[in-house]
């Protein structure tokens, strides 16, 4: 069974940085796509970034391009989200996700098979 565990959330001032980590276990992820999503209170879950485990191609939501960087450690089965120049509107619970599909739109929540429990990021103004 796949397990995803996030870490690294917290409280930071606007303009600051945080790095989220996701530990993945339970199987070989070479054919998977891994992603980060976020959800603010009263809003739908939103695509943040994704990375293909094999090859490392990356994808970003428009609101985080140029500020966030997704990466993975192939050996350690870890995924990271480096978040720079944080804004109050980045405040949300951030979720790590994994999926086996290689054809469905990468930004769609419903296409992901496994989810972590989430970690809270709060950006103060």
Protein backbone atom coordinates (compact mmCIF):
# COMPACT_ATOMS: atom_id res chain seq x y z
CA UNK A 1 0.00 0.00 0.00
CA UNK A 2 1.33 3.41 -0.97
CA UNK A 3 1.94 5.83 1.88
CA UNK A 4 2.66 9.52 1.49
CA UNK A 5 3.71 11.62 4.46
CA UNK A 6 4.22 15.39 4.25
CA UNK A 7 6.41 17.52 6.47
CA UNK A 8 7.75 21.06 6.55
CA UNK A 9 4.72 23.29 6.85
CA UNK A 10 4.60 26.22 9.24
CA UNK A 11 4.12 29.93 9.71
CA UNK A 12 6.20 32.35 7.67
CA UNK A 13 6.08 36.04 6.83
CA UNK A 14 5.29 37.24 3.35
CA UNK A 15 8.40 37.13 1.19
CA UNK A 16 9.84 34.24 3.15
CA UNK A 17 10.55 30.64 2.15
CA UNK A 18 9.59 27.13 3.21
CA UNK A 19 10.47 23.70 1.92
CA UNK A 20 7.90 20.93 2.05
CA UNK A 21 8.91 17.29 1.93
CA UNK A 22 6.92 14.19 1.03
CA UNK A 23 8.14 10.73 1.98
CA UNK A 24 6.77 8.03 -0.33
CA UNK A 25 6.74 4.32 0.49
CA UNK A 26 4.98 1.12 -0.40
CA UNK A 27 6.08 0.46 -3.96
CA UNK A 28 8.38 1.43 -6.79
CA UNK A 29 7.43 4.83 -8.14
CA UNK A 30 9.32 4.79 -11.41
CA UNK A 31 6.12 4.91 -13.48
CA UNK A 32 4.31 7.37 -11.24
CA UNK A 33 3.66 11.08 -11.40
CA UNK A 34 3.87 12.85 -8.06
CA UNK A 35 2.26 16.16 -7.29
CA UNK A 36 1.54 18.90 -4.78
CA UNK A 37 -1.92 20.33 -4.31
CA UNK A 38 -3.26 22.88 -1.86
CA UNK A 39 -6.60 23.72 -0.36
CA UNK A 40 -7.58 26.91 1.45
CA UNK A 41 -10.68 27.05 3.66
CA UNK A 42 -13.85 27.29 1.59
CA UNK A 43 -11.99 26.70 -1.70
CA UNK A 44 -11.48 23.74 -4.00
CA UNK A 45 -8.27 21.77 -3.96
CA UNK A 46 -5.83 23.41 -6.39
CA UNK A 47 -2.96 22.03 -8.45
CA UNK A 48 0.42 23.44 -7.44
CA UNK A 49 3.10 21.37 -9.14
CA UNK A 50 3.91 17.88 -10.41
CA UNK A 51 6.92 15.84 -11.40
CA UNK A 52 7.29 12.63 -13.36
CA UNK A 53 9.26 10.25 -11.15
CA UNK A 54 11.15 8.81 -14.09
CA UNK A 55 12.73 11.53 -16.16
CA UNK A 56 11.92 14.37 -13.81
CA UNK A 57 9.73 16.52 -16.08
CA UNK A 58 8.06 19.25 -14.03
CA UNK A 59 4.79 21.14 -14.28
CA UNK A 60 3.52 24.16 -12.35
CA UNK A 61 0.30 25.99 -11.68
CA UNK A 62 0.24 29.53 -13.02
CA UNK A 63 0.03 31.09 -9.55
CA UNK A 64 3.33 29.56 -8.39
CA UNK A 65 5.48 29.63 -11.53
CA UNK A 66 8.80 31.29 -10.88
CA UNK A 67 8.41 31.05 -7.10
CA UNK A 68 8.03 27.33 -6.35
CA UNK A 69 10.30 24.48 -7.41
CA UNK A 70 9.36 20.81 -7.29
CA UNK A 71 12.05 18.14 -7.11
CA UNK A 72 12.53 14.53 -6.13
CA UNK A 73 15.23 12.30 -4.74
CA UNK A 74 14.99 9.13 -6.76
CA UNK A 75 17.06 7.10 -4.31
CA UNK A 76 15.39 8.24 -1.09
CA UNK A 77 11.83 8.22 -2.49
CA UNK A 78 11.39 11.82 -1.38
CA UNK A 79 9.66 14.69 -3.12
CA UNK A 80 10.16 18.35 -2.24
CA UNK A 81 8.49 21.67 -2.85
CA UNK A 82 10.72 24.70 -2.37
CA UNK A 83 8.52 27.73 -1.91
CA UNK A 84 10.10 31.17 -2.22
CA UNK A 85 8.66 34.67 -2.10
CA UNK A 86 5.60 33.38 -0.29
CA UNK A 87 2.42 35.45 -0.35
CA UNK A 88 -0.56 35.48 2.01
CA UNK A 89 -2.64 33.89 -0.76
CA UNK A 90 -0.37 30.83 -0.59
CA UNK A 91 -1.87 30.05 2.81
CA UNK A 92 -3.45 26.59 2.61
CA UNK A 93 -3.12 22.96 3.55
CA UNK A 94 -0.63 21.39 1.15
CA UNK A 95 -1.05 17.78 0.04
CA UNK A 96 1.33 15.34 -1.57
CA UNK A 97 -0.26 13.05 -4.18
CA UNK A 98 0.70 10.22 -6.51
CA UNK A 99 -0.87 8.71 -9.58
CA UNK A 100 -0.21 5.92 -12.06
CA UNK A 101 -1.97 7.49 -15.05
CA UNK A 102 0.28 8.94 -17.71
CA UNK A 103 -2.41 10.30 -20.00
CA UNK A 104 -4.96 12.14 -17.87
CA UNK A 105 -4.52 15.90 -17.37
CA UNK A 106 -1.86 16.33 -14.74
CA UNK A 107 -3.67 19.15 -12.94
CA UNK A 108 -6.86 17.22 -12.20
CA UNK A 109 -7.34 16.19 -8.57
CA UNK A 110 -9.49 13.20 -9.46
CA UNK A 111 -6.68 11.57 -11.48
CA UNK A 112 -4.48 11.05 -8.41
CA UNK A 113 -4.69 7.70 -6.65
CA UNK A 114 -2.94 8.35 -3.35
CA UNK A 115 -2.84 11.31 -0.98
CA UNK A 116 -0.95 12.36 2.10
CA UNK A 117 -2.59 13.80 5.20
CA UNK A 118 -1.57 17.38 4.44
CA UNK A 119 0.62 19.99 6.07
CA UNK A 120 -0.46 23.55 6.87
CA UNK A 121 1.34 26.55 5.41
CA UNK A 122 0.39 29.96 6.77
CA UNK A 123 1.85 33.15 5.31
CA UNK A 124 1.35 36.31 7.33
CA UNK A 125 1.26 39.76 5.74
